[in-house]
Amino acid sequence: MPFFGLMQYGNFIDNLRLYVRGGSGGMGLPRLGGQGGNGGDVWVVAAKNMTLKRIKDKYPQKRFLGGAGANSSVRALKGEKGEDKEILAPVGITVTTDKGKTLGDLNTEGDRLMVAKGGFGGSMHSAFQPSKGQVRNIRLDLKLIADLGLVGYPNAGKSSLLTALSNATPEIANYAFTTLKPEIGKLMYKDYKQISVADLPGLIEGAHLNKGMGHKFLKHVERTKQLLFVVDVCGFQLANNTPFRSAFEAVQLLTKELELYKEELVLKPALLVVNKMDLPDAEGKLEELKEQLQNPDEFSDLLPDDMIPKNYLNFRHVVPVSASTGFGIEHLKSCIRESLDEDAEMATKHLG
């Protein structure tokens, strides 16, 4: 059964091709031996809260040029260097040339990488003629830790699901916050295709404010191609002093957490896994969730206004499973493969 929502996918970007050109050098002044200024360089600089989509939106032409060096003159025999151009980019990218040569990695905020050097100013060594700046096409690639990231509150059964899906054996215990660091599992298919899945530390309400391990978790979410939301069909209560949340509320709260941290995250393709279908009354709860997902506005009053996401997610697949019994696991693997293959095909058409 299809699920309809307001969100359209395809806007999240994990790679971007740019044209960069260093500035030309300035003319020298032969009669006085004056030297022209060097052209400005083009740099990629890792900056907090930047995304590749923001670069594309701000610079639709995707062209970055260094400033030209100043000509030598009687008043200024040594011309000034052209202005450098900085491209602010997200932390965690690899910069390569069109031919695949790696120019460098930007792993921490403030890291800088020169991607196009400015030309030299004219001088006696070049008959006072300047040189042009370096020209190239580069690619910025967000380094991914996995194809899929499991998104869910503690005890939604993410670790058990990863074990059922793959050959990973994460530590599993019956208490919240079991997963303290990303656990990567591999899904194996009959045609030898492998898909990587990351079980990420469990979210809590307020993760975007860095409660618990919020920012560490959300940083990892950025580095997956697609999201696999996991909810307990019967809902959950994190602690005695926190409210009980239904499966529908959990979906909306998870969406809101991603949205508040970085709005582009909810543009990623997403699937929803409704886990623990072996529990009593699971079928009834599932039907209730389906109705709520199809008509989210009618049920939005279940949540406070500040917890309602701007956009409701349109899940590509909604798959009921039981990680403990194996029910629905093979169907889920098929849905995951279909979703990733669909994106790969779209990317190939786009490049073609």
Protein backbone atom coordinates (compact mmCIF):
# COMPACT_ATOMS: atom_id res chain seq x y z
CA MET A 1 0.00 0.00 0.00
CA PRO A 2 1.54 3.37 -0.99
CA PHE A 3 1.96 6.07 1.63
CA PHE A 4 1.50 9.67 0.58
CA GLY A 5 3.15 12.67 2.17
CA LEU A 6 4.28 16.17 1.35
CA MET A 7 8.02 15.59 1.05
CA GLN A 8 9.63 15.08 -2.33
CA TYR A 9 13.01 13.37 -2.42
CA GLY A 10 16.00 13.82 -4.66
CA ASN A 11 17.34 17.10 -3.27
CA PHE A 12 19.94 15.69 -0.94
CA ILE A 13 23.40 15.88 -2.53
CA ASP A 14 26.44 13.84 -1.53
CA ASN A 15 28.68 14.89 -4.45
CA LEU A 16 29.11 18.04 -6.49
CA ARG A 17 31.17 18.97 -9.56
CA LEU A 18 32.67 22.47 -9.69
CA TYR A 19 34.65 24.53 -12.18
CA VAL A 20 37.57 26.36 -10.57
CA ARG A 21 40.08 28.77 -12.11
CA GLY A 22 42.91 30.67 -10.51
CA GLY A 23 43.19 34.36 -11.32
CA SER A 24 45.51 35.57 -14.08
CA GLY A 25 48.72 37.34 -13.12
CA GLY A 26 49.16 41.08 -13.69
CA MET A 27 51.32 42.63 -16.42
CA GLY A 28 54.90 43.55 -15.61
CA LEU A 29 56.42 46.95 -16.44
CA PRO A 30 59.51 46.43 -18.65
CA ARG A 31 60.97 49.93 -18.58
CA LEU A 32 61.12 50.00 -14.79
CA GLY A 33 61.51 46.28 -14.13
CA GLY A 34 58.13 46.19 -12.38
CA GLN A 35 56.54 42.86 -11.48
CA GLY A 36 52.83 42.17 -11.87
CA GLY A 37 50.86 40.68 -8.98
CA ASN A 38 50.15 36.96 -8.87
CA GLY A 39 46.59 35.83 -9.52
CA GLY A 40 44.36 34.80 -6.62
CA ASP A 41 44.09 31.14 -5.64
CA VAL A 42 40.90 29.11 -5.19
CA TRP A 43 40.52 27.24 -1.90
CA VAL A 44 38.03 24.77 -0.48
CA VAL A 45 37.52 25.39 3.25
CA ALA A 46 35.68 23.07 5.65
CA ALA A 47 33.00 25.02 7.50
CA LYS A 48 30.47 24.07 10.16
CA ASN A 49 26.84 23.57 9.07
CA MET A 50 27.64 23.73 5.34
CA THR A 51 26.14 21.23 2.92
CA LEU A 52 26.79 20.52 -0.74
CA LYS A 53 23.18 21.46 -1.48
CA ARG A 54 23.77 24.92 -0.02
CA ILE A 55 26.77 25.40 -2.32
CA LYS A 56 24.69 24.37 -5.32
CA ASP A 57 21.79 26.64 -4.35
CA LYS A 58 24.01 29.66 -3.67
CA TYR A 59 26.20 29.20 -6.76
CA PRO A 60 23.99 27.58 -9.44
CA GLN A 61 26.68 28.14 -12.10
CA LYS A 62 29.16 26.21 -9.92
CA ARG A 63 32.05 28.39 -11.14
CA PHE A 64 34.67 29.80 -8.78
CA LEU A 65 37.33 32.21 -10.02
CA GLY A 66 40.31 33.74 -8.26
CA GLY A 67 40.87 37.48 -8.67
CA ALA A 68 43.32 38.83 -11.26
CA GLY A 69 46.68 40.16 -10.07
CA ALA A 70 47.23 43.91 -10.39
CA ASN A 71 49.43 45.23 -13.19
CA SER A 72 52.75 46.81 -12.28
CA SER A 73 52.63 50.60 -12.50
CA VAL A 74 54.82 53.59 -11.81
CA ARG A 75 53.06 54.08 -8.47
CA ALA A 76 53.21 50.41 -7.50
CA LEU A 77 56.03 48.58 -9.22
CA LYS A 78 55.04 45.33 -7.53
CA GLY A 79 51.42 44.69 -8.35
CA GLU A 80 49.11 43.37 -5.63
CA LYS A 81 48.11 39.73 -5.58
CA GLY A 82 44.61 38.95 -6.82
CA GLU A 83 41.94 38.12 -4.24
CA ASP A 84 41.70 34.48 -3.23
CA LYS A 85 38.35 32.74 -3.63
CA GLU A 86 37.14 30.49 -0.81
CA ILE A 87 34.52 27.78 -1.31
CA LEU A 88 32.95 26.91 2.05
CA ALA A 89 32.21 23.19 2.08
CA PRO A 90 30.98 20.61 4.62
CA VAL A 91 33.34 18.84 6.97
CA GLY A 92 34.07 15.27 5.89
CA ILE A 93 34.58 15.61 2.14
CA THR A 94 37.14 14.27 -0.30
CA VAL A 95 38.21 16.54 -3.17
CA THR A 96 39.17 14.87 -6.44
CA THR A 97 39.86 15.89 -10.02
CA ASP A 98 37.62 14.84 -12.88
CA LYS A 99 40.13 12.09 -13.65
CA GLY A 100 39.82 10.67 -10.14
CA LYS A 101 43.05 11.96 -8.63
CA THR A 102 42.57 12.75 -4.93
CA LEU A 103 43.60 16.30 -4.08
CA GLY A 104 42.90 16.01 -0.36
CA ASP A 105 40.44 15.45 2.48
CA LEU A 106 38.77 18.03 4.70
CA ASN A 107 38.07 16.23 7.97
CA THR A 108 37.86 19.01 10.55
CA GLU A 109 36.41 22.50 10.62
CA GLY A 110 38.90 25.02 9.25
CA ASP A 111 40.81 22.56 7.04
CA ARG A 112 41.88 24.25 3.78
CA LEU A 113 42.85 22.87 0.39
CA MET A 114 44.08 24.85 -2.62
CA VAL A 115 42.31 23.56 -5.73
CA ALA A 116 43.41 26.13 -8.35
CA LYS A 117 46.59 28.20 -8.17
CA GLY A 118 46.67 31.73 -9.51
CA GLY A 119 48.96 32.64 -12.41
CA PHE A 120 52.31 34.38 -11.94
CA GLY A 121 52.65 38.10 -12.46
CA GLY A 122 54.78 39.30 -15.36
CA SER A 123 58.46 39.79 -14.48
CA MET A 124 61.87 39.91 -16.11
CA HIS A 125 61.91 36.09 -16.10
CA SER A 126 58.84 35.96 -18.34
CA ALA A 127 59.53 38.98 -20.53
CA PHE A 128 57.09 40.78 -18.20
CA GLN A 129 54.20 38.70 -19.54
CA PRO A 130 51.86 37.18 -16.92
CA SER A 131 50.61 33.59 -16.88
CA LYS A 132 47.04 32.41 -16.62
CA GLY A 133 45.68 30.70 -13.55
CA GLN A 134 45.20 26.96 -13.16
CA VAL A 135 41.91 25.66 -14.56
CA ARG A 136 40.23 22.37 -13.61
CA ASN A 137 36.99 20.67 -12.77
CA ILE A 138 36.86 19.18 -9.30
CA ARG A 139 34.47 16.94 -7.39
CA LEU A 140 33.47 17.30 -3.77
CA ASP A 141 32.37 13.95 -2.34
CA LEU A 142 30.82 13.57 1.09
CA LYS A 143 32.49 10.56 2.69
CA LEU A 144 29.82 8.00 3.49
CA ILE A 145 30.12 5.50 6.31
CA ALA A 146 27.31 3.30 4.95
CA ASP A 147 24.59 3.02 2.31
CA LEU A 148 21.86 3.02 4.97
CA GLY A 149 21.61 4.51 8.43
CA LEU A 150 19.22 3.05 11.01
CA VAL A 151 17.32 5.87 12.73
CA GLY A 152 15.29 5.16 15.85
CA TYR A 153 14.85 5.73 19.53
CA PRO A 154 16.54 3.44 22.06
CA ASN A 155 14.99 -0.03 22.28
CA ALA A 156 13.27 0.21 18.88
CA GLY A 157 15.15 -2.98 18.03
CA LYS A 158 17.75 -1.51 15.67
CA SER A 159 20.62 -3.72 16.84
CA SER A 160 18.46 -6.85 16.61
CA LEU A 161 17.34 -5.77 13.15
CA LEU A 162 20.93 -5.29 11.98
CA THR A 163 21.80 -8.76 13.25
CA ALA A 164 18.80 -10.24 11.41
CA LEU A 165 19.69 -8.40 8.19
CA SER A 166 23.42 -8.99 8.12
CA ASN A 167 26.38 -10.84 9.50
CA ALA A 168 27.07 -8.17 12.10
CA THR A 169 26.88 -9.22 15.76
CA PRO A 170 26.39 -5.99 17.71
CA GLU A 171 26.20 -6.09 21.50
CA ILE A 172 22.50 -6.25 22.39
CA ALA A 173 21.01 -5.69 25.82
CA ASN A 174 17.53 -4.93 27.12
CA TYR A 175 18.18 -1.35 28.16
CA ALA A 176 18.27 2.03 26.47
CA PHE A 177 21.41 3.41 24.81
CA THR A 178 22.81 -0.03 23.99
CA THR A 179 24.53 1.26 20.88
CA LEU A 180 27.31 3.66 21.82
CA LYS A 181 29.06 3.92 18.47
CA PRO A 182 28.10 3.13 14.86
CA GLU A 183 28.00 -0.59 14.14
CA ILE A 184 28.33 -1.43 10.44
CA GLY A 185 26.72 -4.55 9.00
CA LYS A 186 26.75 -5.92 5.45
CA LEU A 187 23.70 -7.20 3.60
CA MET A 188 24.66 -9.94 1.15
CA TYR A 189 22.57 -10.71 -1.93
CA LYS A 190 22.53 -13.75 -4.22
CA ASP A 191 24.20 -11.79 -7.04
CA TYR A 192 27.04 -10.90 -4.61
CA LYS A 193 25.87 -7.32 -4.23
CA GLN A 194 26.77 -5.92 -0.79
CA ILE A 195 24.93 -3.10 0.97
CA SER A 196 26.29 -1.55 4.15
CA VAL A 197 24.00 -0.61 7.04
CA ALA A 198 25.02 1.51 10.03
CA ASP A 199 23.28 1.10 13.37
CA LEU A 200 23.70 4.57 14.84
CA PRO A 201 23.52 5.55 18.53
CA GLY A 202 19.90 5.79 19.69
CA LEU A 203 18.31 9.21 19.53
CA ILE A 204 16.51 10.87 22.40
CA GLU A 205 14.10 13.77 22.25
CA GLY A 206 16.17 16.94 22.10
CA ALA A 207 19.10 15.31 20.29
CA HIS A 208 19.45 18.37 18.05
CA LEU A 209 20.28 20.32 21.24
CA ASN A 210 23.11 17.82 21.78
CA LYS A 211 21.38 16.01 24.62
CA GLY A 212 22.78 12.52 25.05
CA MET A 213 24.93 11.78 22.01
CA GLY A 214 22.77 13.90 19.73
CA HIS A 215 25.27 15.69 17.53
CA LYS A 216 27.54 12.67 17.20
CA PHE A 217 24.58 10.63 16.00
CA LEU A 218 23.28 13.29 13.64
CA LYS A 219 26.74 13.80 12.13
CA HIS A 220 26.77 10.11 11.16
CA VAL A 221 23.28 10.41 9.62
CA GLU A 222 24.72 12.90 7.13
CA ARG A 223 27.11 10.26 5.87
CA THR A 224 24.62 7.66 4.73
CA LYS A 225 22.85 7.54 1.36
CA GLN A 226 19.42 6.64 2.70
CA LEU A 227 17.66 6.39 6.05
CA LEU A 228 15.95 3.37 7.56
CA PHE A 229 13.59 4.53 10.30
CA VAL A 230 12.87 1.84 12.90
CA VAL A 231 9.94 2.09 15.31
CA ASP A 232 8.38 -0.26 17.84
CA VAL A 233 4.87 -1.05 16.59
CA CYS A 234 3.54 -0.76 20.16
CA GLY A 235 5.36 2.51 20.93
CA PHE A 236 7.88 3.13 23.69
CA GLN A 237 8.66 5.03 26.87
CA LEU A 238 12.29 6.06 27.30
CA ALA A 239 12.12 6.39 31.09
CA ASN A 240 9.59 6.59 33.92
CA ASN A 241 9.68 10.40 33.86
CA THR A 242 9.15 10.69 30.08
CA PRO A 243 5.85 10.39 28.18
CA PHE A 244 4.82 7.25 26.33
CA ARG A 245 5.10 7.67 22.55
CA SER A 246 3.12 5.73 19.96
CA ALA A 247 4.76 4.50 16.75
CA PHE A 248 3.26 7.43 14.82
CA GLU A 249 4.55 9.93 17.37
CA ALA A 250 7.98 8.31 17.24
CA VAL A 251 8.11 8.75 13.45
CA GLN A 252 7.19 12.43 13.67
CA LEU A 253 9.59 13.13 16.54
CA LEU A 254 12.46 11.44 14.72
CA THR A 255 11.67 13.52 11.64
CA LYS A 256 11.58 16.69 13.74
CA GLU A 257 14.96 15.91 15.34
CA LEU A 258 16.60 15.52 11.93
CA GLU A 259 14.86 18.65 10.64
CA LEU A 260 15.98 20.79 13.58
CA TYR A 261 19.59 19.65 13.30
CA LYS A 262 19.89 20.13 9.54
CA GLU A 263 16.82 20.43 7.36
CA GLU A 264 18.45 18.80 4.33
CA LEU A 265 18.64 15.49 6.19
CA VAL A 266 14.92 14.84 5.72
CA LEU A 267 15.40 15.14 1.96
CA LYS A 268 17.20 11.80 1.96
CA PRO A 269 15.23 8.82 0.66
CA ALA A 270 13.76 6.94 3.62
CA LEU A 271 12.15 3.61 4.43
CA LEU A 272 10.16 2.79 7.56
CA VAL A 273 10.54 -0.49 9.44
CA VAL A 274 7.76 -1.29 11.89
CA ASN A 275 9.45 -3.73 14.27
CA LYS A 276 8.27 -6.19 16.95
CA MET A 277 5.33 -7.54 14.96
CA ASP A 278 5.45 -10.65 17.16
CA LEU A 279 3.97 -8.68 20.10
CA PRO A 280 0.27 -9.00 21.07
CA ASP A 281 -2.10 -6.69 19.13
CA ALA A 282 0.70 -5.79 16.69
CA GLU A 283 -1.57 -6.14 13.64
CA GLY A 284 -4.10 -3.70 15.08
CA LYS A 285 -1.36 -1.21 15.96
CA LEU A 286 0.08 -1.51 12.44
CA GLU A 287 -3.26 -0.71 10.80
CA GLU A 288 -3.63 2.28 13.11
CA LEU A 289 -0.15 3.50 12.14
CA LYS A 290 -0.90 3.09 8.43
CA GLU A 291 -4.02 5.23 8.74
CA GLN A 292 -2.10 7.90 10.64
CA LEU A 293 0.72 7.97 8.08
CA GLN A 294 -1.74 8.34 5.22
CA ASN A 295 -3.54 11.24 6.95
CA PRO A 296 -0.89 12.82 9.20
CA ASP A 297 -2.60 16.21 9.48
CA GLU A 298 -5.65 14.61 11.09
CA PHE A 299 -3.48 13.16 13.86
CA SER A 300 -0.99 16.00 14.34
CA ASP A 301 -2.85 17.15 17.47
CA LEU A 302 -1.31 14.14 19.24
CA LEU A 303 1.91 16.16 19.48
CA PRO A 304 2.75 19.63 20.85
CA ASP A 305 3.15 22.24 18.11
CA ASP A 306 6.92 22.49 18.58
CA MET A 307 7.29 18.76 17.95
CA ILE A 308 5.42 18.65 14.63
CA PRO A 309 7.80 18.51 11.63
CA LYS A 310 7.46 21.06 8.83
CA ASN A 311 7.05 18.25 6.32
CA TYR A 312 5.79 14.71 6.75
CA LEU A 313 8.08 12.06 5.34
CA ASN A 314 6.93 10.10 2.32
CA PHE A 315 8.46 6.70 2.96
CA ARG A 316 9.35 4.69 -0.13
CA HIS A 317 8.44 1.50 1.69
CA VAL A 318 6.74 0.73 5.01
CA VAL A 319 7.74 -2.77 6.06
CA PRO A 320 6.41 -4.67 9.11
CA VAL A 321 9.00 -7.07 10.58
CA SER A 322 9.94 -9.01 13.67
CA ALA A 323 13.70 -8.94 14.11
CA SER A 324 13.45 -11.62 16.80
CA THR A 325 11.48 -14.18 14.73
CA GLY A 326 12.72 -13.22 11.25
CA PHE A 327 9.25 -12.28 9.97
CA GLY A 328 9.47 -9.81 7.05
CA ILE A 329 13.29 -9.69 6.94
CA GLU A 330 13.67 -11.04 3.38
CA HIS A 331 10.99 -8.64 2.12
CA LEU A 332 12.80 -5.78 3.84
CA LYS A 333 16.08 -6.76 2.17
CA SER A 334 14.32 -6.66 -1.21
CA CYS A 335 12.87 -3.20 -0.48
CA ILE A 336 16.29 -1.88 0.56
CA ARG A 337 17.89 -3.19 -2.62
CA GLU A 338 15.11 -1.76 -4.78
CA SER A 339 15.41 1.69 -3.20
CA LEU A 340 19.20 1.90 -3.56
CA ASP A 341 19.12 0.52 -7.11
CA GLU A 342 16.51 3.15 -8.02
CA ASP A 343 18.79 5.95 -6.84
CA ALA A 344 21.83 4.44 -8.56
CA GLU A 345 19.91 4.28 -11.83
CA MET A 346 18.79 7.90 -11.47
CA ALA A 347 22.38 8.98 -10.76
CA THR A 348 23.63 7.15 -13.86
CA LYS A 349 21.01 8.86 -16.04
CA HIS A 350 21.94 12.23 -14.54
CA LEU A 351 25.65 11.73 -15.29
CA GLY A 352 24.84 10.49 -18.78
